[in-house]
Amino acid sequence: MDRLSTHVLDTAQGRPGAGMGFRLYRIEDEGRVLLAEGITNADGRGPQGLLPEKEYRPGRYQLVYRVADYFRAEGVALADPPFLDEVTLAFTLGGDAHYHVPLLVAPYSYTTYRGS
């Protein structure tokens, strides 16, 4: 069972955030542990198996999205330095559920929620 999925929507352009780089970390007492990294697909989704059962532990996690790199690659003019360079979503996973963490993003704003 895959415990976590992510999906990026580019709200400035009204389409999936295809080609956005991201990293997934678990937060432990010693610091952040990199679990996965990748690039969103044509639908703006992260890969299957982002957090497989064998890697899952209840606790604190972070998804870090490379927002400025994505918008630059899309040809969007950004401030120098960009207002949003990386977006870090910090969240807690617990219990026996699947978690979907979407990111809705534009060059100057973002939002997220626990999806289904």
PDB file of N, CA and C in Angstrom:
ATOM      1  N   MET A   1       0.846  -1.188   0.000  1.00  0.00           N
ATOM      2  CA  MET A   1       0.000   0.000   0.000  1.00  0.00           C
ATOM      3  C   MET A   1       0.884   1.242   0.000  1.00  0.00           C
ATOM      4  N   ASP A   2       0.546   2.182  -0.834  1.00  0.00           N
ATOM      5  CA  ASP A   2       1.225   3.470  -0.880  1.00  0.00           C
ATOM      6  C   ASP A   2       0.540   4.388   0.123  1.00  0.00           C
ATOM      7  N   ARG A   3       1.288   4.975   1.034  1.00  0.00           N
ATOM      8  CA  ARG A   3       0.709   5.784   2.098  1.00  0.00           C
ATOM      9  C   ARG A   3       0.529   7.250   1.758  1.00  0.00           C
ATOM     10  N   LEU A   4       1.184   7.731   0.687  1.00  0.00           N
ATOM     11  CA  LEU A   4       1.182   9.161   0.414  1.00  0.00           C
ATOM     12  C   LEU A   4       1.203   9.414  -1.082  1.00  0.00           C
ATOM     13  N   SER A   5       0.432  10.401  -1.507  1.00  0.00           N
ATOM     14  CA  SER A   5       0.503  10.864  -2.892  1.00  0.00           C
ATOM     15  C   SER A   5       0.450  12.387  -2.885  1.00  0.00           C
ATOM     16  N   THR A   6       0.919  12.981  -3.979  1.00  0.00           N
ATOM     17  CA  THR A   6       0.891  14.428  -4.122  1.00  0.00           C
ATOM     18  C   THR A   6       0.488  14.792  -5.548  1.00  0.00           C
ATOM     19  N   HIS A   7      -0.040  15.997  -5.671  1.00  0.00           N
ATOM     20  CA  HIS A   7      -0.539  16.485  -6.944  1.00  0.00           C
ATOM     21  C   HIS A   7      -0.345  17.995  -6.947  1.00  0.00           C
ATOM     22  N   VAL A   8       0.233  18.538  -8.017  1.00  0.00           N
ATOM     23  CA  VAL A   8       0.472  19.976  -8.108  1.00  0.00           C
ATOM     24  C   VAL A   8      -0.421  20.571  -9.194  1.00  0.00           C
ATOM     25  N   LEU A   9      -1.105  21.650  -8.834  1.00  0.00           N
ATOM     26  CA  LEU A   9      -1.917  22.399  -9.781  1.00  0.00           C
ATOM     27  C   LEU A   9      -1.350  23.805  -9.891  1.00  0.00           C
ATOM     28  N   ASP A  10      -1.053  24.222 -11.108  1.00  0.00           N
ATOM     29  CA  ASP A  10      -0.546  25.562 -11.405  1.00  0.00           C
ATOM     30  C   ASP A  10      -1.769  26.458 -11.570  1.00  0.00           C
ATOM     31  N   THR A  11      -2.136  27.181 -10.521  1.00  0.00           N
ATOM     32  CA  THR A  11      -3.353  27.995 -10.570  1.00  0.00           C
ATOM     33  C   THR A  11      -3.161  29.269 -11.383  1.00  0.00           C
ATOM     34  N   ALA A  12      -1.931  29.698 -11.589  1.00  0.00           N
ATOM     35  CA  ALA A  12      -1.678  30.889 -12.400  1.00  0.00           C
ATOM     36  C   ALA A  12      -1.981  30.623 -13.875  1.00  0.00           C
ATOM     37  N   GLN A  13      -1.700  29.397 -14.317  1.00  0.00           N
ATOM     38  CA  GLN A  13      -1.896  29.063 -15.728  1.00  0.00           C
ATOM     39  C   GLN A  13      -3.087  28.138 -15.956  1.00  0.00           C
ATOM     40  N   GLY A  14      -3.719  27.719 -14.864  1.00  0.00           N
ATOM     41  CA  GLY A  14      -4.914  26.894 -14.979  1.00  0.00           C
ATOM     42  C   GLY A  14      -4.664  25.509 -15.538  1.00  0.00           C
ATOM     43  N   ARG A  15      -3.573  24.868 -15.081  1.00  0.00           N
ATOM     44  CA  ARG A  15      -3.258  23.522 -15.581  1.00  0.00           C
ATOM     45  C   ARG A  15      -2.425  22.756 -14.557  1.00  0.00           C
ATOM     46  N   PRO A  16      -2.232  21.460 -14.800  1.00  0.00           N
ATOM     47  CA  PRO A  16      -1.388  20.677 -13.885  1.00  0.00           C
ATOM     48  C   PRO A  16       0.039  21.236 -13.829  1.00  0.00           C
ATOM     49  N   GLY A  17       0.656  21.118 -12.684  1.00  0.00           N
ATOM     50  CA  GLY A  17       2.043  21.552 -12.496  1.00  0.00           C
ATOM     51  C   GLY A  17       2.998  20.459 -12.941  1.00  0.00           C
ATOM     52  N   ALA A  18       3.026  20.188 -14.223  1.00  0.00           N
ATOM     53  CA  ALA A  18       3.878  19.129 -14.783  1.00  0.00           C
ATOM     54  C   ALA A  18       5.339  19.573 -14.792  1.00  0.00           C
ATOM     55  N   GLY A  19       6.216  18.694 -14.344  1.00  0.00           N
ATOM     56  CA  GLY A  19       7.647  18.968 -14.389  1.00  0.00           C
ATOM     57  C   GLY A  19       8.187  19.691 -13.170  1.00  0.00           C
ATOM     58  N   MET A  20       7.444  19.704 -12.065  1.00  0.00           N
ATOM     59  CA  MET A  20       7.930  20.360 -10.851  1.00  0.00           C
ATOM     60  C   MET A  20       8.718  19.365 -10.001  1.00  0.00           C
ATOM     61  N   GLY A  21       9.914  19.756  -9.629  1.00  0.00           N
ATOM     62  CA  GLY A  21      10.738  18.914  -8.765  1.00  0.00           C
ATOM     63  C   GLY A  21      10.271  18.995  -7.316  1.00  0.00           C
ATOM     64  N   PHE A  22      10.438  17.895  -6.602  1.00  0.00           N
ATOM     65  CA  PHE A  22      10.058  17.858  -5.188  1.00  0.00           C
ATOM     66  C   PHE A  22      10.910  16.836  -4.449  1.00  0.00           C
ATOM     67  N   ARG A  23      10.920  16.966  -3.137  1.00  0.00           N
ATOM     68  CA  ARG A  23      11.584  16.004  -2.247  1.00  0.00           C
ATOM     69  C   ARG A  23      10.650  15.696  -1.076  1.00  0.00           C
ATOM     70  N   LEU A  24      10.707  14.459  -0.605  1.00  0.00           N
ATOM     71  CA  LEU A  24       9.950  14.035   0.565  1.00  0.00           C
ATOM     72  C   LEU A  24      10.937  13.688   1.675  1.00  0.00           C
ATOM     73  N   TYR A  25      10.718  14.265   2.854  1.00  0.00           N
ATOM     74  CA  TYR A  25      11.556  14.003   4.022  1.00  0.00           C
ATOM     75  C   TYR A  25      10.708  13.495   5.182  1.00  0.00           C
ATOM     76  N   ARG A  26      11.304  12.653   6.019  1.00  0.00           N
ATOM     77  CA  ARG A  26      10.742  12.318   7.320  1.00  0.00           C
ATOM     78  C   ARG A  26      11.554  13.114   8.334  1.00  0.00           C
ATOM     79  N   ILE A  27      10.881  13.713   9.306  1.00  0.00           N
ATOM     80  CA  ILE A  27      11.555  14.500  10.327  1.00  0.00           C
ATOM     81  C   ILE A  27      11.798  13.598  11.529  1.00  0.00           C
ATOM     82  N   GLU A  28      13.055  13.458  11.882  1.00  0.00           N
ATOM     83  CA  GLU A  28      13.446  12.630  13.027  1.00  0.00           C
ATOM     84  C   GLU A  28      14.229  13.489  14.012  1.00  0.00           C
ATOM     85  N   ASP A  29      14.535  12.942  15.172  1.00  0.00           N
ATOM     86  CA  ASP A  29      15.279  13.692  16.190  1.00  0.00           C
ATOM     87  C   ASP A  29      16.607  14.206  15.651  1.00  0.00           C
ATOM     88  N   GLU A  30      17.240  13.438  14.783  1.00  0.00           N
ATOM     89  CA  GLU A  30      18.546  13.803  14.229  1.00  0.00           C
ATOM     90  C   GLU A  30      18.438  14.811  13.094  1.00  0.00           C
ATOM     91  N   GLY A  31      17.231  15.062  12.589  1.00  0.00           N
ATOM     92  CA  GLY A  31      17.038  15.983  11.473  1.00  0.00           C
ATOM     93  C   GLY A  31      16.176  15.367  10.391  1.00  0.00           C
ATOM     94  N   ARG A  32      16.298  15.906   9.178  1.00  0.00           N
ATOM     95  CA  ARG A  32      15.500  15.421   8.052  1.00  0.00           C
ATOM     96  C   ARG A  32      16.184  14.243   7.382  1.00  0.00           C
ATOM     97  N   VAL A  33      15.363  13.252   7.019  1.00  0.00           N
ATOM     98  CA  VAL A  33      15.840  12.082   6.287  1.00  0.00           C
ATOM     99  C   VAL A  33      15.149  12.077   4.926  1.00  0.00           C
ATOM    100  N   LEU A  34      15.934  12.158   3.853  1.00  0.00           N
ATOM    101  CA  LEU A  34      15.371  12.148   2.510  1.00  0.00           C
ATOM    102  C   LEU A  34      14.833  10.758   2.192  1.00  0.00           C
ATOM    103  N   LEU A  35      13.545  10.685   1.848  1.00  0.00           N
ATOM    104  CA  LEU A  35      12.913   9.408   1.507  1.00  0.00           C
ATOM    105  C   LEU A  35      12.724   9.248   0.007  1.00  0.00           C
ATOM    106  N   ALA A  36      12.452  10.361  -0.675  1.00  0.00           N
ATOM    107  CA  ALA A  36      12.176  10.285  -2.118  1.00  0.00           C
ATOM    108  C   ALA A  36      12.365  11.660  -2.728  1.00  0.00           C
ATOM    109  N   GLU A  37      12.659  11.656  -4.021  1.00  0.00           N
ATOM    110  CA  GLU A  37      12.655  12.894  -4.790  1.00  0.00           C
ATOM    111  C   GLU A  37      12.237  12.563  -6.199  1.00  0.00           C
ATOM    112  N   GLY A  38      11.678  13.543  -6.864  1.00  0.00           N
ATOM    113  CA  GLY A  38      11.211  13.278  -8.212  1.00  0.00           C
ATOM    114  C   GLY A  38      10.696  14.522  -8.877  1.00  0.00           C
ATOM    115  N   ILE A  39      10.017  14.297  -9.983  1.00  0.00           N
ATOM    116  CA  ILE A  39       9.436  15.357 -10.796  1.00  0.00           C
ATOM    117  C   ILE A  39       8.004  14.951 -11.107  1.00  0.00           C
ATOM    118  N   THR A  40       7.089  15.892 -11.009  1.00  0.00           N
ATOM    119  CA  THR A  40       5.691  15.577 -11.290  1.00  0.00           C
ATOM    120  C   THR A  40       5.502  15.225 -12.765  1.00  0.00           C
ATOM    121  N   ASN A  41       4.549  14.341 -13.021  1.00  0.00           N
ATOM    122  CA  ASN A  41       4.283  13.888 -14.391  1.00  0.00           C
ATOM    123  C   ASN A  41       3.394  14.881 -15.141  1.00  0.00           C
ATOM    124  N   ALA A  42       2.947  14.518 -16.313  1.00  0.00           N
ATOM    125  CA  ALA A  42       2.145  15.399 -17.166  1.00  0.00           C
ATOM    126  C   ALA A  42       0.836  15.829 -16.502  1.00  0.00           C
ATOM    127  N   ASP A  43       0.326  15.026 -15.574  1.00  0.00           N
ATOM    128  CA  ASP A  43      -0.889  15.374 -14.832  1.00  0.00           C
ATOM    129  C   ASP A  43      -0.584  16.133 -13.549  1.00  0.00           C
ATOM    130  N   GLY A  44       0.693  16.451 -13.304  1.00  0.00           N
ATOM    131  CA  GLY A  44       1.085  17.154 -12.088  1.00  0.00           C
ATOM    132  C   GLY A  44       1.183  16.255 -10.869  1.00  0.00           C
ATOM    133  N   ARG A  45       1.169  14.957 -11.081  1.00  0.00           N
ATOM    134  CA  ARG A  45       1.193  14.005  -9.959  1.00  0.00           C
ATOM    135  C   ARG A  45       2.601  13.488  -9.703  1.00  0.00           C
ATOM    136  N   GLY A  46       2.860  13.217  -8.421  1.00  0.00           N
ATOM    137  CA  GLY A  46       4.096  12.552  -8.051  1.00  0.00           C
ATOM    138  C   GLY A  46       4.005  11.088  -8.422  1.00  0.00           C
ATOM    139  N   PRO A  47       5.122  10.379  -8.392  1.00  0.00           N
ATOM    140  CA  PRO A  47       5.127   8.978  -8.808  1.00  0.00           C
ATOM    141  C   PRO A  47       4.357   8.071  -7.857  1.00  0.00           C
ATOM    142  N   GLN A  48       3.890   6.957  -8.383  1.00  0.00           N
ATOM    143  CA  GLN A  48       3.312   5.912  -7.538  1.00  0.00           C
ATOM    144  C   GLN A  48       4.395   5.446  -6.570  1.00  0.00           C
ATOM    145  N   GLY A  49       4.006   5.041  -5.388  1.00  0.00           N
ATOM    146  CA  GLY A  49       4.984   4.520  -4.434  1.00  0.00           C
ATOM    147  C   GLY A  49       5.829   5.593  -3.784  1.00  0.00           C
ATOM    148  N   LEU A  50       5.308   6.802  -3.676  1.00  0.00           N
ATOM    149  CA  LEU A  50       6.053   7.898  -3.063  1.00  0.00           C
ATOM    150  C   LEU A  50       6.457   7.559  -1.635  1.00  0.00           C
ATOM    151  N   LEU A  51       5.548   6.966  -0.883  1.00  0.00           N
ATOM    152  CA  LEU A  51       5.855   6.522   0.481  1.00  0.00           C
ATOM    153  C   LEU A  51       5.280   5.123   0.661  1.00  0.00           C
ATOM    154  N   PRO A  52       6.053   4.113   0.261  1.00  0.00           N
ATOM    155  CA  PRO A  52       5.549   2.741   0.370  1.00  0.00           C
ATOM    156  C   PRO A  52       5.429   2.293   1.825  1.00  0.00           C
ATOM    157  N   GLU A  53       4.639   1.275   2.024  1.00  0.00           N
ATOM    158  CA  GLU A  53       4.374   0.731   3.365  1.00  0.00           C
ATOM    159  C   GLU A  53       5.661   0.464   4.144  1.00  0.00           C
ATOM    160  N   LYS A  54       6.677  -0.083   3.483  1.00  0.00           N
ATOM    161  CA  LYS A  54       7.918  -0.441   4.196  1.00  0.00           C
ATOM    162  C   LYS A  54       8.672   0.778   4.724  1.00  0.00           C
ATOM    163  N   GLU A  55       8.454   1.957   4.128  1.00  0.00           N
ATOM    164  CA  GLU A  55       9.107   3.199   4.568  1.00  0.00           C
ATOM    165  C   GLU A  55       8.252   3.999   5.548  1.00  0.00           C
ATOM    166  N   TYR A  56       6.974   3.626   5.660  1.00  0.00           N
ATOM    167  CA  TYR A  56       6.030   4.415   6.445  1.00  0.00           C
ATOM    168  C   TYR A  56       6.235   4.236   7.945  1.00  0.00           C
ATOM    169  N   ARG A  57       6.229   5.359   8.645  1.00  0.00           N
ATOM    170  CA  ARG A  57       6.149   5.403  10.099  1.00  0.00           C
ATOM    171  C   ARG A  57       5.290   6.603  10.465  1.00  0.00           C
ATOM    172  N   PRO A  58       4.384   6.462  11.431  1.00  0.00           N
ATOM    173  CA  PRO A  58       3.659   7.651  11.878  1.00  0.00           C
ATOM    174  C   PRO A  58       4.665   8.704  12.333  1.00  0.00           C
ATOM    175  N   GLY A  59       4.379   9.956  12.033  1.00  0.00           N
ATOM    176  CA  GLY A  59       5.275  11.015  12.465  1.00  0.00           C
ATOM    177  C   GLY A  59       5.216  12.217  11.552  1.00  0.00           C
ATOM    178  N   ARG A  60       6.251  13.033  11.658  1.00  0.00           N
ATOM    179  CA  ARG A  60       6.312  14.298  10.927  1.00  0.00           C
ATOM    180  C   ARG A  60       7.054  14.124   9.606  1.00  0.00           C
ATOM    181  N   TYR A  61       6.521  14.780   8.571  1.00  0.00           N
ATOM    182  CA  TYR A  61       7.080  14.704   7.224  1.00  0.00           C
ATOM    183  C   TYR A  61       7.099  16.100   6.602  1.00  0.00           C
ATOM    184  N   GLN A  62       7.880  16.244   5.540  1.00  0.00           N
ATOM    185  CA  GLN A  62       7.886  17.463   4.751  1.00  0.00           C
ATOM    186  C   GLN A  62       7.933  17.111   3.273  1.00  0.00           C
ATOM    187  N   LEU A  63       7.150  17.830   2.491  1.00  0.00           N
ATOM    188  CA  LEU A  63       7.267  17.830   1.037  1.00  0.00           C
ATOM    189  C   LEU A  63       7.821  19.198   0.661  1.00  0.00           C
ATOM    190  N   VAL A  64       8.909  19.220  -0.094  1.00  0.00           N
ATOM    191  CA  VAL A  64       9.541  20.466  -0.518  1.00  0.00           C
ATOM    192  C   VAL A  64       9.463  20.529  -2.039  1.00  0.00           C
ATOM    193  N   TYR A  65       8.773  21.554  -2.557  1.00  0.00           N
ATOM    194  CA  TYR A  65       8.554  21.714  -3.984  1.00  0.00           C
ATOM    195  C   TYR A  65       9.437  22.836  -4.523  1.00  0.00           C
ATOM    196  N   ARG A  66      10.033  22.629  -5.684  1.00  0.00           N
ATOM    197  CA  ARG A  66      10.909  23.624  -6.314  1.00  0.00           C
ATOM    198  C   ARG A  66      10.083  24.533  -7.221  1.00  0.00           C
ATOM    199  N   VAL A  67       9.391  25.449  -6.606  1.00  0.00           N
ATOM    200  CA  VAL A  67       8.403  26.285  -7.277  1.00  0.00           C
ATOM    201  C   VAL A  67       9.044  27.266  -8.258  1.00  0.00           C
ATOM    202  N   ALA A  68      10.064  27.997  -7.837  1.00  0.00           N
ATOM    203  CA  ALA A  68      10.674  29.005  -8.715  1.00  0.00           C
ATOM    204  C   ALA A  68      11.281  28.349  -9.955  1.00  0.00           C
ATOM    205  N   ASP A  69      11.954  27.227  -9.785  1.00  0.00           N
ATOM    206  CA  ASP A  69      12.527  26.527 -10.940  1.00  0.00           C
ATOM    207  C   ASP A  69      11.437  26.139 -11.933  1.00  0.00           C
ATOM    208  N   TYR A  70      10.310  25.672 -11.409  1.00  0.00           N
ATOM    209  CA  TYR A  70       9.189  25.292 -12.266  1.00  0.00           C
ATOM    210  C   TYR A  70       8.682  26.493 -13.071  1.00  0.00           C
ATOM    211  N   PHE A  71       8.399  27.615 -12.387  1.00  0.00           N
ATOM    212  CA  PHE A  71       7.854  28.774 -13.093  1.00  0.00           C
ATOM    213  C   PHE A  71       8.855  29.364 -14.078  1.00  0.00           C
ATOM    214  N   ARG A  72      10.136  29.360 -13.739  1.00  0.00           N
ATOM    215  CA  ARG A  72      11.143  29.819 -14.701  1.00  0.00           C
ATOM    216  C   ARG A  72      11.118  28.958 -15.960  1.00  0.00           C
ATOM    217  N   ALA A  73      11.052  27.645 -15.775  1.00  0.00           N
ATOM    218  CA  ALA A  73      11.007  26.728 -16.928  1.00  0.00           C
ATOM    219  C   ALA A  73       9.748  26.944 -17.767  1.00  0.00           C
ATOM    220  N   GLU A  74       8.681  27.436 -17.140  1.00  0.00           N
ATOM    221  CA  GLU A  74       7.431  27.729 -17.846  1.00  0.00           C
ATOM    222  C   GLU A  74       7.486  29.090 -18.537  1.00  0.00           C
ATOM    223  N   GLY A  75       8.578  29.834 -18.362  1.00  0.00           N
ATOM    224  CA  GLY A  75       8.712  31.143 -18.985  1.00  0.00           C
ATOM    225  C   GLY A  75       8.037  32.272 -18.233  1.00  0.00           C
ATOM    226  N   VAL A  76       7.706  32.033 -16.970  1.00  0.00           N
ATOM    227  CA  VAL A  76       7.060  33.058 -16.151  1.00  0.00           C
ATOM    228  C   VAL A  76       8.132  33.984 -15.589  1.00  0.00           C
ATOM    229  N   ALA A  77       7.954  35.294 -15.759  1.00  0.00           N
ATOM    230  CA  ALA A  77       8.892  36.275 -15.212  1.00  0.00           C
ATOM    231  C   ALA A  77       8.694  36.348 -13.698  1.00  0.00           C
ATOM    232  N   LEU A  78       9.768  36.130 -12.958  1.00  0.00           N
ATOM    233  CA  LEU A  78       9.725  36.162 -11.497  1.00  0.00           C
ATOM    234  C   LEU A  78      10.578  37.306 -10.982  1.00  0.00           C
ATOM    235  N   ALA A  79      10.257  37.766  -9.784  1.00  0.00           N
ATOM    236  CA  ALA A  79      11.089  38.764  -9.121  1.00  0.00           C
ATOM    237  C   ALA A  79      12.463  38.149  -8.842  1.00  0.00           C
ATOM    238  N   ASP A  80      13.452  39.006  -8.620  1.00  0.00           N
ATOM    239  CA  ASP A  80      14.794  38.514  -8.290  1.00  0.00           C
ATOM    240  C   ASP A  80      15.211  39.104  -6.950  1.00  0.00           C
ATOM    241  N   PRO A  81      15.207  38.328  -5.891  1.00  0.00           N
ATOM    242  CA  PRO A  81      14.897  36.897  -5.813  1.00  0.00           C
ATOM    243  C   PRO A  81      13.386  36.647  -5.868  1.00  0.00           C
ATOM    244  N   PRO A  82      13.002  35.420  -6.236  1.00  0.00           N
ATOM    245  CA  PRO A  82      11.573  35.118  -6.341  1.00  0.00           C
ATOM    246  C   PRO A  82      10.910  35.130  -4.961  1.00  0.00           C
ATOM    247  N   PHE A  83       9.650  35.549  -4.924  1.00  0.00           N
ATOM    248  CA  PHE A  83       8.906  35.538  -3.665  1.00  0.00           C
ATOM    249  C   PHE A  83       8.818  34.121  -3.099  1.00  0.00           C
ATOM    250  N   LEU A  84       8.437  33.161  -3.936  1.00  0.00           N
ATOM    251  CA  LEU A  84       8.410  31.749  -3.548  1.00  0.00           C
ATOM    252  C   LEU A  84       9.507  31.029  -4.313  1.00  0.00           C
ATOM    253  N   ASP A  85      10.506  30.558  -3.608  1.00  0.00           N
ATOM    254  CA  ASP A  85      11.568  29.770  -4.234  1.00  0.00           C
ATOM    255  C   ASP A  85      11.217  28.296  -4.084  1.00  0.00           C
ATOM    256  N   GLU A  86      11.206  27.841  -2.861  1.00  0.00           N
ATOM    257  CA  GLU A  86      10.740  26.491  -2.540  1.00  0.00           C
ATOM    258  C   GLU A  86       9.564  26.615  -1.585  1.00  0.00           C
ATOM    259  N   VAL A  87       8.586  25.738  -1.754  1.00  0.00           N
ATOM    260  CA  VAL A  87       7.461  25.656  -0.837  1.00  0.00           C
ATOM    261  C   VAL A  87       7.629  24.388  -0.029  1.00  0.00           C
ATOM    262  N   THR A  88       7.654  24.543   1.284  1.00  0.00           N
ATOM    263  CA  THR A  88       7.784  23.407   2.190  1.00  0.00           C
ATOM    264  C   THR A  88       6.462  23.190   2.908  1.00  0.00           C
ATOM    265  N   LEU A  89       5.895  22.008   2.733  1.00  0.00           N
ATOM    266  CA  LEU A  89       4.686  21.624   3.443  1.00  0.00           C
ATOM    267  C   LEU A  89       5.074  20.661   4.549  1.00  0.00           C
ATOM    268  N   ALA A  90       4.838  21.068   5.777  1.00  0.00           N
ATOM    269  CA  ALA A  90       5.136  20.230   6.944  1.00  0.00           C
ATOM    270  C   ALA A  90       3.816  19.656   7.456  1.00  0.00           C
ATOM    271  N   PHE A  91       3.768  18.340   7.649  1.00  0.00           N
ATOM    272  CA  PHE A  91       2.532  17.691   8.053  1.00  0.00           C
ATOM    273  C   PHE A  91       2.857  16.440   8.860  1.00  0.00           C
ATOM    274  N   THR A  92       1.841  15.915   9.511  1.00  0.00           N
ATOM    275  CA  THR A  92       1.995  14.727  10.348  1.00  0.00           C
ATOM    276  C   THR A  92       1.119  13.608   9.805  1.00  0.00           C
ATOM    277  N   LEU A  93       1.700  12.423   9.689  1.00  0.00           N
ATOM    278  CA  LEU A  93       0.969  11.233   9.264  1.00  0.00           C
ATOM    279  C   LEU A  93       0.803  10.313  10.459  1.00  0.00           C
ATOM    280  N   GLY A  94      -0.363   9.740  10.577  1.00  0.00           N
ATOM    281  CA  GLY A  94      -0.615   8.817  11.674  1.00  0.00           C
ATOM    282  C   GLY A  94      -1.702   7.846  11.277  1.00  0.00           C
ATOM    283  N   GLY A  95      -1.859   6.829  12.068  1.00  0.00           N
ATOM    284  CA  GLY A  95      -2.941   5.899  11.810  1.00  0.00           C
ATOM    285  C   GLY A  95      -2.704   5.004  10.618  1.00  0.00           C
ATOM    286  N   ASP A  96      -3.807   4.462  10.129  1.00  0.00           N
ATOM    287  CA  ASP A  96      -3.756   3.460   9.067  1.00  0.00           C
ATOM    288  C   ASP A  96      -4.501   3.976   7.839  1.00  0.00           C
ATOM    289  N   ALA A  97      -4.018   5.083   7.278  1.00  0.00           N
ATOM    290  CA  ALA A  97      -4.742   5.710   6.175  1.00  0.00           C
ATOM    291  C   ALA A  97      -3.796   6.063   5.035  1.00  0.00           C
ATOM    292  N   HIS A  98      -4.381   6.374   3.893  1.00  0.00           N
ATOM    293  CA  HIS A  98      -3.643   6.952   2.773  1.00  0.00           C
ATOM    294  C   HIS A  98      -3.822   8.468   2.858  1.00  0.00           C
ATOM    295  N   TYR A  99      -2.780   9.195   2.608  1.00  0.00           N
ATOM    296  CA  TYR A  99      -2.816  10.647   2.640  1.00  0.00           C
ATOM    297  C   TYR A  99      -2.518  11.189   1.246  1.00  0.00           C
ATOM    298  N   HIS A 100      -3.340  12.147   0.813  1.00  0.00           N
ATOM    299  CA  HIS A 100      -3.109  12.840  -0.458  1.00  0.00           C
ATOM    300  C   HIS A 100      -2.871  14.301  -0.119  1.00  0.00           C
ATOM    301  N   VAL A 101      -1.713  14.843  -0.552  1.00  0.00           N
ATOM    302  CA  VAL A 101      -1.331  16.213  -0.222  1.00  0.00           C
ATOM    303  C   VAL A 101      -1.173  17.000  -1.523  1.00  0.00           C
ATOM    304  N   PRO A 102      -2.224  17.726  -1.928  1.00  0.00           N
ATOM    305  CA  PRO A 102      -2.136  18.545  -3.127  1.00  0.00           C
ATOM    306  C   PRO A 102      -1.474  19.892  -2.830  1.00  0.00           C
ATOM    307  N   LEU A 103      -0.860  20.468  -3.851  1.00  0.00           N
ATOM    308  CA  LEU A 103      -0.318  21.823  -3.781  1.00  0.00           C
ATOM    309  C   LEU A 103      -0.930  22.611  -4.929  1.00  0.00           C
ATOM    310  N   LEU A 104      -1.616  23.695  -4.607  1.00  0.00           N
ATOM    311  CA  LEU A 104      -2.132  24.640  -5.596  1.00  0.00           C
ATOM    312  C   LEU A 104      -1.225  25.848  -5.508  1.00  0.00           C
ATOM    313  N   VAL A 105      -0.585  26.212  -6.628  1.00  0.00           N
ATOM    314  CA  VAL A 105       0.498  27.193  -6.535  1.00  0.00           C
ATOM    315  C   VAL A 105       0.486  28.176  -7.696  1.00  0.00           C
ATOM    316  N   ALA A 106       0.890  29.407  -7.397  1.00  0.00           N
ATOM    317  CA  ALA A 106       1.121  30.483  -8.356  1.00  0.00           C
ATOM    318  C   ALA A 106       2.427  31.157  -7.911  1.00  0.00           C
ATOM    319  N   PRO A 107       2.987  32.052  -8.689  1.00  0.00           N
ATOM    320  CA  PRO A 107       4.269  32.653  -8.306  1.00  0.00           C
ATOM    321  C   PRO A 107       4.260  33.403  -6.967  1.00  0.00           C
ATOM    322  N   TYR A 108       3.077  33.858  -6.515  1.00  0.00           N
ATOM    323  CA  TYR A 108       3.032  34.641  -5.280  1.00  0.00           C
ATOM    324  C   TYR A 108       2.112  34.043  -4.210  1.00  0.00           C
ATOM    325  N   SER A 109       1.641  32.832  -4.416  1.00  0.00           N
ATOM    326  CA  SER A 109       0.767  32.237  -3.413  1.00  0.00           C
ATOM    327  C   SER A 109       0.696  30.727  -3.574  1.00  0.00           C
ATOM    328  N   TYR A 110       0.274  30.075  -2.495  1.00  0.00           N
ATOM    329  CA  TYR A 110       0.010  28.634  -2.554  1.00  0.00           C
ATOM    330  C   TYR A 110      -0.972  28.255  -1.472  1.00  0.00           C
ATOM    331  N   THR A 111      -1.580  27.109  -1.652  1.00  0.00           N
ATOM    332  CA  THR A 111      -2.464  26.541  -0.643  1.00  0.00           C
ATOM    333  C   THR A 111      -2.367  25.023  -0.737  1.00  0.00           C
ATOM    334  N   THR A 112      -2.762  24.370   0.330  1.00  0.00           N
ATOM    335  CA  THR A 112      -2.770  22.914   0.355  1.00  0.00           C
ATOM    336  C   THR A 112      -3.913  22.458   1.256  1.00  0.00           C
ATOM    337  N   TYR A 113      -4.186  21.189   1.241  1.00  0.00           N
ATOM    338  CA  TYR A 113      -5.204  20.588   2.083  1.00  0.00           C
ATOM    339  C   TYR A 113      -4.979  19.095   2.100  1.00  0.00           C
ATOM    340  N   ARG A 114      -5.641  18.409   2.996  1.00  0.00           N
ATOM    341  CA  ARG A 114      -5.589  16.951   2.972  1.00  0.00           C
ATOM    342  C   ARG A 114      -6.669  16.465   2.023  1.00  0.00           C
ATOM    343  N   GLY A 115      -6.240  15.912   0.910  1.00  0.00           N
ATOM    344  CA  GLY A 115      -7.179  15.419  -0.082  1.00  0.00           C
ATOM    345  C   GLY A 115      -7.578  13.991   0.189  1.00  0.00           C
ATOM    346  N   SER A 116      -8.353  13.451  -0.715  1.00  0.00           N
ATOM    347  CA  SER A 116      -8.807  12.065  -0.544  1.00  0.00           C
ATOM    348  C   SER A 116      -8.237  11.192  -1.654  1.00  0.00           C
TER     349      SER A 116
END
